[in-house]
Each structure stands twice: as structure tokens, then as C-alpha cells.
């Protein structure tokens, strides 16, 4: 069943309601659930936002009628009334397009006006005016002196940029958040393992497609090792098959399930239209790297490998596997040679030089030292102010 690996029911309760809408749109497009169920879920979400007109439109589409419930009409009147109160209660004409010049206004406006700006931005977000909300939250953060509310505004602006698909700006905001939470990375994996093991799917995918994360890879394998018995997810199980159980046949089967999970995942299965063709870039990158993971591990425990056996484990036919391995050798990703007569791959010894090991460990230590010093310098002004 296509919805077998769908994590939306587990993720949605932990997301802002507005961020659930793109997930429902994806599920509706994929046809994983009946159309009627998706529309009802959308109405249920909208009933707790200020997007009343949108809820009315969906209700009309679902029940094929221009009539809407009285509670929707009453809710619309309430939202319009609240908007009028906010706009009449405080004028935002003083806001400058240049956030740096807003500092001047701190001398002429009070905290009530700044708080009103936050409330107005949040109201706009609830109405689905994500562009306006993002602008007001940006201005609010330039004026706010409350760290907790400033952080809340940063999360809100990130959500608004994501919903508008302004990915470059969203990445900037995400990096700002990353700087704030970097000091808490020590318990990050443990928190996910305890409270949200389903999110391990996305960490596992990140490790597979992004080799720059390899220094933390061994620690991650330790985390998923106990989860293989309590949490059912093909992507984490794929890694467990390779690095915990050394079950290459099992890894081959999991690759097929991984592909299905990616295609039906709103975060991983993004499609790109290219002319008459539709591609899922992450799916292709994942499968390529997954084969490399199988191959690298298999080669560590075998010096001579039968090409036919390896092709089967990589989910490739013989010719595809041969071309794939030749390409690895040509790009210096593999120290090996192919014996075409015997149809085997002969691995070359690849012992890491002791000096290379020393350099790698020293580099890792230098990076950790830099992060610690950076955090100390950031905390120093706050402690001095106290």
C-alpha cells in the first residue's frame, strides 16, 4: 500500500497548522488517500486559523454547494472585527524599510507598540498573508529586546518564507536558528531517538546523500542500532542492514522500499518537470549513494568479488554494474581492477597512512576547538551585562 511509509500522521501534530497544508497538497497530488478525506482534513486545519474564506471555498467544493455553515460565517465576522481592532489600535506607518534606522524609533515608541507589531504580524500569518507577516516579523526582530519573543519571531519568519517557497531567504533564517541551537547539538540525537524516532528517516537520508556528514556517521549508526527493533522505517533499516547486520541481501530489498518511501514523502519526493519528463532528484541521488554504501562495505570484507553477485546486490544488471564500477575506478573513488576473463573485481590494498590519520584527527580537534571558542565569545557579552 502506497501510504504504508507515510509519516504525515506522525509529523503533522508537531507542525504549525499552516505547514501541514503543503503536506496535504502533496498527498492529494499523489493520491495516497481518498480526495474526500484530504478535503475534510484541510477544513479541520483551517477551522483553527483565520483563513476563513479558503475554508469556505473548500467546503463548497467538497459538498458541491454554495451554502456554508453558520459557524464559518460567524468566524469570518470575528476575524474581520479582530483585524479592524488591530489596525485601529496601532498605526504601523512609522516602520522604516531599513531595519537599521528603526533603532531610532526605540526612543519615541513604547513597548506596547512593539508588542502590537508582533501581534499584527502573527495575525497576518494566521490569515495566510505570509509575505506581510515575514516583513513585519523582520521589522519586529530589529526592534525587539526580548530574546524569547525574538526567537519566536525568527521561527515565524522561517515558516513564512518556507510557505512562500523563498528557499534562499529560508536558508538564511535557518542558519540564524542553527547558530542559536548549536550549543544544544550534544543532546539533539538523543532527543530525536527518545521523542521522535520517525525523524531518523531524514537524518539517515542526509547521511546517505551528503558525505560531508561522515564524521558523525559512526555515532548515528549507534543510535539506529537499537531502533531497528522498535521503529519500522526502510531508510534507517537499510543502514542497519549494511553497518550493523552486514546483511547485503536485506539491504538490496530495503533499497526498493526506500525508493517507495522517498517517492511518497512530502519532504523527500519533490518532483521537477523537465519538458515531458518528471524527475525526483533526491531519489536518483539516494539510490546512487546507497549502491556506493553497499559496495564500499562489501569490498571491505572481500578481496575478490564476483561481478554477477555484486550486480545482484546493487539492483543492477551485469552490464550496468560493470559500467558503474569502471566509472568509480576512473574517478579515483575505488582502488581496484577488473578481471574481465573471470568476471571478478580484485580489490587493491588501501591501508590509511598513519600521517593521514594524524592529520584527520588533528583537523577534527581543531574544528571542535574553534566551535567551543566561538560559543564562549558569544556568551561572554551576555555574562558581562549581568
Protein backbone atom coordinates (compact mmCIF):
# COMPACT_ATOMS: atom_id res chain seq x y z
CA UNK A 1 0.00 0.00 0.00
CA UNK A 2 1.41 3.39 -1.05
CA UNK A 3 0.64 5.05 2.30
CA UNK A 4 2.50 2.39 4.30
CA UNK A 5 5.59 4.55 4.81
CA UNK A 6 3.76 7.90 5.04
CA UNK A 7 4.97 9.82 8.11
CA UNK A 8 2.48 12.67 7.78
CA UNK A 9 0.18 11.40 10.59
CA UNK A 10 3.17 11.38 12.95
CA UNK A 11 4.73 14.65 11.79
CA UNK A 12 1.61 16.81 11.40
CA UNK A 13 0.70 17.06 15.14
CA UNK A 14 4.13 18.62 15.78
CA UNK A 15 3.93 21.20 12.98
CA UNK A 16 2.30 24.58 12.75
CA UNK A 17 -1.06 24.10 11.03
CA UNK A 18 -0.02 26.21 8.06
CA UNK A 19 2.99 23.97 7.42
CA UNK A 20 0.69 20.95 7.19
CA UNK A 21 -1.11 22.34 4.12
CA UNK A 22 1.79 21.66 1.70
CA UNK A 23 1.93 18.09 3.03
CA UNK A 24 -1.77 17.60 2.34
CA UNK A 25 -1.33 19.10 -1.13
CA UNK A 26 1.43 16.57 -1.80
CA UNK A 27 -0.68 13.65 -0.54
CA UNK A 28 -3.62 14.86 -2.64
CA UNK A 29 -1.41 15.05 -5.73
CA UNK A 30 -0.02 11.57 -5.10
CA UNK A 31 -3.49 10.11 -4.47
CA UNK A 32 -2.37 8.28 -1.34
CA UNK A 33 -5.73 8.87 0.36
CA UNK A 34 -9.30 9.46 -0.87
CA UNK A 35 -9.90 13.01 -2.12
CA UNK A 36 -12.80 13.49 0.30
CA UNK A 37 -10.60 12.65 3.31
CA UNK A 38 -7.95 15.16 2.24
CA UNK A 39 -10.52 17.96 1.80
CA UNK A 40 -12.05 17.24 5.21
CA UNK A 41 -8.60 17.32 6.78
CA UNK A 42 -7.96 20.71 5.14
CA UNK A 43 -11.21 22.13 6.54
CA UNK A 44 -10.35 20.82 10.01
CA UNK A 45 -6.99 22.60 9.84
CA UNK A 46 -8.48 25.83 8.50
CA UNK A 47 -11.11 25.97 11.24
CA UNK A 48 -8.32 26.87 13.68
CA UNK A 49 -6.79 29.62 11.52
CA UNK A 50 -8.01 32.97 10.16
CA UNK A 51 -8.17 31.65 6.58
CA UNK A 52 -11.97 31.52 6.66
CA UNK A 53 -12.57 32.35 3.00
CA UNK A 54 -10.32 29.48 1.95
CA UNK A 55 -12.20 27.13 4.29
CA UNK A 56 -15.49 28.24 2.73
CA UNK A 57 -14.19 27.56 -0.78
CA UNK A 58 -13.08 24.04 0.15
CA UNK A 59 -16.41 23.37 1.89
CA UNK A 60 -18.27 24.40 -1.28
CA UNK A 61 -16.03 22.15 -3.37
CA UNK A 62 -16.38 19.18 -1.01
CA UNK A 63 -20.16 19.29 -0.68
CA UNK A 64 -20.84 20.80 -4.14
CA UNK A 65 -22.98 23.58 -2.68
CA UNK A 66 -22.73 27.35 -2.33
CA UNK A 67 -24.15 27.13 1.20
CA UNK A 68 -21.68 27.21 4.11
CA UNK A 69 -22.27 26.52 7.82
CA UNK A 70 -23.30 29.43 10.03
CA UNK A 71 -20.26 28.93 12.26
CA UNK A 72 -18.00 29.73 9.28
CA UNK A 73 -19.94 32.94 8.62
CA UNK A 74 -19.70 33.90 12.30
CA UNK A 75 -15.99 33.07 12.33
CA UNK A 76 -15.38 35.31 9.30
CA UNK A 77 -17.12 38.23 11.02
CA UNK A 78 -14.97 37.63 14.10
CA UNK A 79 -11.73 37.66 12.06
CA UNK A 80 -12.70 40.86 10.21
CA UNK A 81 -13.58 42.51 13.52
CA UNK A 82 -10.29 41.49 15.09
CA UNK A 83 -8.35 42.85 12.11
CA UNK A 84 -10.13 46.22 12.42
CA UNK A 85 -9.29 46.40 16.13
CA UNK A 86 -5.62 45.70 15.45
CA UNK A 87 -5.39 48.27 12.67
CA UNK A 88 -7.29 50.94 14.62
CA UNK A 89 -5.38 50.30 17.82
CA UNK A 90 -1.93 50.98 16.42
CA UNK A 91 -0.58 52.56 13.26
CA UNK A 92 2.49 50.94 11.69
CA UNK A 93 3.32 53.85 9.39
CA UNK A 94 6.43 54.55 11.47
CA UNK A 95 8.10 51.34 10.29
CA UNK A 96 11.08 52.01 8.05
CA UNK A 97 12.10 49.82 5.17
CA UNK A 98 15.64 49.97 6.57
CA UNK A 99 15.68 47.96 9.78
CA UNK A 100 18.84 49.73 10.95
CA UNK A 101 17.03 53.08 11.11
CA UNK A 102 14.24 51.55 13.18
CA UNK A 103 16.59 51.70 16.18
CA UNK A 104 15.86 55.43 16.27
CA UNK A 105 12.21 54.70 16.92
CA UNK A 106 13.02 52.91 20.15
CA UNK A 107 13.39 56.36 21.63
CA UNK A 108 9.94 57.56 20.56
CA UNK A 109 7.74 54.46 20.75
CA UNK A 110 6.88 52.27 23.69
CA UNK A 111 6.99 48.52 24.22
CA UNK A 112 3.23 48.39 23.66
CA UNK A 113 3.64 49.39 20.03
CA UNK A 114 6.42 46.87 19.52
CA UNK A 115 4.27 44.11 21.03
CA UNK A 116 1.36 45.27 18.83
CA UNK A 117 3.61 44.82 15.80
CA UNK A 118 4.28 41.21 16.86
CA UNK A 119 0.54 40.54 17.34
CA UNK A 120 -0.27 42.09 13.96
CA UNK A 121 2.41 40.02 12.21
CA UNK A 122 1.08 36.84 13.83
CA UNK A 123 -2.48 37.75 12.83
CA UNK A 124 -1.37 38.27 9.21
CA UNK A 125 0.33 34.87 9.27
CA UNK A 126 -2.88 33.23 10.54
CA UNK A 127 -4.75 34.91 7.67
CA UNK A 128 -2.36 33.35 5.16
CA UNK A 129 -0.68 36.66 4.31
CA UNK A 130 2.79 35.16 4.63
CA UNK A 131 4.54 37.95 2.74
CA UNK A 132 3.18 40.64 5.05
CA UNK A 133 3.88 38.50 8.11
CA UNK A 134 7.51 37.96 7.05
CA UNK A 135 8.05 41.72 6.57
CA UNK A 136 6.51 42.65 9.92
CA UNK A 137 8.41 39.91 11.78
CA UNK A 138 11.66 41.12 10.22
CA UNK A 139 10.96 44.65 11.47
CA UNK A 140 9.88 43.35 14.87
CA UNK A 141 13.15 41.47 15.38
CA UNK A 142 15.10 44.65 14.60
CA UNK A 143 13.28 46.38 17.48
CA UNK A 144 12.69 43.57 19.95
CA UNK A 145 14.81 43.33 23.11
CA UNK A 146 13.10 40.18 24.42
CA UNK A 147 15.22 37.16 23.43
CA UNK A 148 12.38 34.63 23.73
CA UNK A 149 9.95 36.61 21.58
CA UNK A 150 12.72 37.43 19.10
CA UNK A 151 13.39 33.69 18.73
CA UNK A 152 9.66 33.04 18.29
CA UNK A 153 9.56 35.71 15.58
CA UNK A 154 12.52 34.07 13.84
CA UNK A 155 10.69 30.74 13.76
CA UNK A 156 7.63 32.52 12.39
CA UNK A 157 9.60 34.24 9.65
CA UNK A 158 11.24 30.94 8.68
CA UNK A 159 7.79 29.33 8.40
CA UNK A 160 6.51 32.22 6.27
CA UNK A 161 9.48 32.02 3.89
CA UNK A 162 9.08 28.24 3.57
CA UNK A 163 5.38 28.59 2.79
CA UNK A 164 6.21 31.16 0.09
CA UNK A 165 8.97 28.81 -1.17
CA UNK A 166 11.56 31.56 -0.83
CA UNK A 167 14.24 28.95 -0.29
CA UNK A 168 17.29 31.23 -0.32
CA UNK A 169 15.86 33.51 2.37
CA UNK A 170 14.55 30.50 4.32
CA UNK A 171 18.06 29.05 4.31
CA UNK A 172 19.43 32.31 5.74
CA UNK A 173 16.87 32.21 8.55
CA UNK A 174 17.60 28.54 9.15
CA UNK A 175 21.30 29.35 9.51
CA UNK A 176 20.42 32.03 12.07
CA UNK A 177 18.48 29.42 14.03
CA UNK A 178 21.34 26.96 13.67
CA UNK A 179 23.69 29.43 15.35
CA UNK A 180 21.27 29.69 18.28
CA UNK A 181 20.77 25.96 18.79
CA UNK A 182 24.32 24.79 18.01
CA UNK A 183 25.14 24.65 21.72
CA UNK A 184 22.39 22.05 22.14
CA UNK A 185 23.61 19.62 19.47
CA UNK A 186 25.02 17.28 22.12
CA UNK A 187 21.56 16.10 23.12
CA UNK A 188 19.94 16.54 19.69
CA UNK A 189 20.26 12.94 18.51
CA UNK A 190 19.23 11.62 21.92
CA UNK A 191 16.11 13.82 21.91
CA UNK A 192 15.08 12.59 18.46
CA UNK A 193 15.68 8.98 19.45
CA UNK A 194 13.51 9.37 22.55
CA UNK A 195 10.69 11.64 21.38
CA UNK A 196 10.55 11.43 17.58
CA UNK A 197 12.31 8.34 16.18
CA UNK A 198 10.42 8.76 12.89
CA UNK A 199 12.62 11.80 12.16
CA UNK A 200 15.63 9.47 11.98
CA UNK A 201 14.49 8.83 8.38
CA UNK A 202 15.57 12.34 7.39
CA UNK A 203 18.89 12.21 9.25
CA UNK A 204 19.62 8.84 7.63
CA UNK A 205 18.81 10.28 4.20
CA UNK A 206 21.07 13.27 4.88
CA UNK A 207 23.95 10.98 5.81
CA UNK A 208 23.47 8.88 2.68
CA UNK A 209 23.31 11.74 0.17
CA UNK A 210 25.73 14.13 1.91
CA UNK A 211 29.24 12.79 2.50
CA UNK A 212 30.29 15.89 4.40
CA UNK A 213 28.36 14.46 7.35
CA UNK A 214 30.52 11.36 7.52
CA UNK A 215 32.50 12.37 10.69
CA UNK A 216 29.28 11.90 12.76
CA UNK A 217 28.20 8.81 10.85
CA UNK A 218 29.52 6.24 13.36
CA UNK A 219 27.62 7.96 16.17
CA UNK A 220 24.45 7.88 14.11
CA UNK A 221 24.82 4.14 13.47
CA UNK A 222 24.95 3.62 17.23
CA UNK A 223 21.66 5.48 17.51
CA UNK A 224 19.78 3.48 14.87
CA UNK A 225 21.12 0.12 16.07
CA UNK A 226 18.55 -0.29 18.90
CA UNK A 227 15.82 1.42 16.83
CA UNK A 228 15.79 -1.34 14.21
CA UNK A 229 13.72 -3.48 16.57
CA UNK A 230 11.25 -0.81 17.70
CA UNK A 231 10.83 1.51 14.69
CA UNK A 232 9.86 0.38 11.20
CA UNK A 233 11.41 2.60 8.52
CA UNK A 234 13.09 1.31 5.34
CA UNK A 235 15.79 4.02 5.19
CA UNK A 236 17.13 3.52 8.71
CA UNK A 237 16.75 -0.26 8.26
CA UNK A 238 18.81 -0.02 5.07
CA UNK A 239 21.73 1.42 7.05
CA UNK A 240 21.24 -1.14 9.81
CA UNK A 241 21.40 -3.95 7.25
CA UNK A 242 24.76 -2.70 5.96
CA UNK A 243 26.57 -1.41 9.04
CA UNK A 244 25.01 -3.39 11.89
CA UNK A 245 23.92 -6.75 10.50
CA UNK A 246 26.08 -6.89 7.34
CA UNK A 247 23.00 -8.28 5.59
CA UNK A 248 23.58 -7.30 1.95
CA UNK A 249 20.61 -9.24 0.64
CA UNK A 250 18.41 -7.46 3.16
CA UNK A 251 19.92 -4.10 2.11
CA UNK A 252 19.07 -4.88 -1.51
CA UNK A 253 15.41 -5.48 -0.60
CA UNK A 254 15.32 -2.36 1.54
CA UNK A 255 16.55 -0.25 -1.38
CA UNK A 256 13.29 -0.95 -3.21
CA UNK A 257 11.29 0.06 -0.13
CA UNK A 258 13.46 3.17 0.29
CA UNK A 259 12.58 4.25 -3.24
CA UNK A 260 8.86 3.88 -2.49
CA UNK A 261 9.23 5.78 0.80
CA UNK A 262 11.07 8.65 -0.89
CA UNK A 263 8.55 8.96 -3.74
CA UNK A 264 5.67 9.23 -1.25
CA UNK A 265 7.39 11.50 1.27
CA UNK A 266 6.47 15.24 1.04
CA UNK A 267 9.96 16.31 2.11
CA UNK A 268 11.99 13.87 0.02
CA UNK A 269 9.86 13.24 -3.05
CA UNK A 270 9.93 16.68 -4.68
CA UNK A 271 9.33 16.40 -8.41
CA UNK A 272 10.88 18.54 -11.13
CA UNK A 273 9.26 18.92 -14.54
CA UNK A 274 11.72 18.86 -17.44
CA UNK A 275 9.84 19.06 -20.71
CA UNK A 276 7.73 15.92 -20.95
CA UNK A 277 9.67 14.19 -18.20
CA UNK A 278 9.28 14.28 -14.42
CA UNK A 279 12.27 13.52 -12.22
CA UNK A 280 12.77 13.10 -8.47
CA UNK A 281 16.38 14.27 -7.99
CA UNK A 282 16.73 13.06 -4.41
CA UNK A 283 15.53 9.58 -5.34
CA UNK A 284 18.24 9.25 -8.01
CA UNK A 285 20.95 10.65 -5.75
CA UNK A 286 19.86 8.42 -2.88
CA UNK A 287 19.93 5.23 -4.96
CA UNK A 288 23.36 6.08 -6.41
CA UNK A 289 24.85 6.68 -2.97
CA UNK A 290 23.04 3.70 -1.46
CA UNK A 291 24.71 1.43 -4.01
CA UNK A 292 28.03 3.01 -3.12
CA UNK A 293 27.41 2.29 0.57
CA UNK A 294 26.69 -1.36 -0.18
CA UNK A 295 29.69 -1.60 -2.48
CA UNK A 296 32.16 0.05 -0.07
CA UNK A 297 31.14 -2.17 2.84
CA UNK A 298 31.06 -5.33 0.75
CA UNK A 299 34.55 -4.58 -0.58
CA UNK A 300 35.96 -4.16 2.92
CA UNK A 301 35.28 -7.81 3.71
CA UNK A 302 36.07 -9.33 0.30
CA UNK A 303 39.28 -9.10 -1.68
CA UNK A 304 37.92 -10.77 -4.82
CA UNK A 305 34.30 -10.16 -5.80
CA UNK A 306 32.19 -11.90 -8.42
CA UNK A 307 30.69 -9.28 -10.74
CA UNK A 308 27.39 -11.15 -11.11
CA UNK A 309 26.91 -11.45 -7.35
CA UNK A 310 27.73 -7.78 -6.85
CA UNK A 311 25.36 -6.70 -9.66
CA UNK A 312 22.53 -8.54 -7.91
CA UNK A 313 23.27 -6.85 -4.59
CA UNK A 314 23.32 -3.44 -6.26
CA UNK A 315 19.97 -3.99 -8.02
CA UNK A 316 21.71 -3.65 -11.42
CA UNK A 317 22.13 -5.99 -14.35
CA UNK A 318 25.64 -7.25 -15.19
CA UNK A 319 26.41 -4.61 -17.84
CA UNK A 320 25.12 -1.73 -15.69
CA UNK A 321 27.17 -2.92 -12.71
CA UNK A 322 30.32 -3.20 -14.81
CA UNK A 323 29.92 0.33 -16.23
CA UNK A 324 29.18 1.67 -12.75
CA UNK A 325 32.32 0.12 -11.25
CA UNK A 326 34.52 1.19 -14.19
CA UNK A 327 33.32 4.74 -13.65
CA UNK A 328 34.23 4.53 -9.95
CA UNK A 329 37.74 3.37 -10.83
CA UNK A 330 38.17 6.14 -13.42
CA UNK A 331 37.10 8.85 -10.96
CA UNK A 332 39.55 7.50 -8.34
CA UNK A 333 36.73 6.55 -5.97
CA UNK A 334 37.82 2.92 -5.99
CA UNK A 335 41.21 1.23 -5.73
CA UNK A 336 40.53 -1.91 -7.73
CA UNK A 337 40.92 -3.62 -11.09
CA UNK A 338 38.55 -5.76 -13.13
CA UNK A 339 39.46 -9.24 -14.38
CA UNK A 340 37.22 -9.43 -17.44
CA UNK A 341 38.05 -13.07 -18.18
CA UNK A 342 36.98 -14.31 -14.75
CA UNK A 343 34.30 -11.65 -14.31
CA UNK A 344 35.68 -10.54 -10.95
CA UNK A 345 36.78 -7.36 -9.20
CA UNK A 346 40.11 -7.52 -7.40
CA UNK A 347 40.47 -5.03 -4.58
CA UNK A 348 43.80 -3.27 -4.08
CA UNK A 349 45.20 -2.84 -0.55
CA UNK A 350 44.22 0.57 0.79
CA UNK A 351 45.73 0.98 4.23
CA UNK A 352 45.39 4.52 5.56
CA UNK A 353 48.75 6.17 6.08
CA UNK A 354 49.48 6.89 9.75
CA UNK A 355 50.28 10.51 8.88
CA UNK A 356 46.91 10.88 7.13
CA UNK A 357 45.20 9.52 10.25
CA UNK A 358 47.04 12.05 12.40
CA UNK A 359 46.08 14.92 10.08
CA UNK A 360 42.40 13.85 10.07
CA UNK A 361 42.23 13.65 13.87
CA UNK A 362 44.04 16.99 14.24
CA UNK A 363 41.66 18.67 11.80
CA UNK A 364 38.63 17.34 13.70
CA UNK A 365 40.12 18.52 17.00
CA UNK A 366 40.82 21.97 15.52
CA UNK A 367 37.22 22.30 14.33
CA UNK A 368 35.83 21.34 17.73
CA UNK A 369 38.15 23.81 19.46
CA UNK A 370 37.02 26.59 17.12
CA UNK A 371 33.35 25.89 17.89
CA UNK A 372 33.96 25.93 21.65
CA UNK A 373 35.88 29.22 21.48
CA UNK A 374 33.17 30.71 19.23
CA UNK A 375 30.45 29.78 21.75
CA UNK A 376 32.48 31.19 24.66
CA UNK A 377 32.95 34.50 22.85
CA UNK A 378 29.23 34.70 22.07
CA UNK A 379 28.29 34.06 25.70
CA UNK A 380 30.86 36.48 27.13
CA UNK A 381 28.91 39.73 26.37
CA UNK A 382 25.76 38.32 27.97
CA UNK A 383 27.64 37.36 31.14
CA UNK A 384 29.33 40.78 31.27
CA UNK A 385 25.95 42.51 31.02
CA UNK A 386 24.74 40.61 34.05
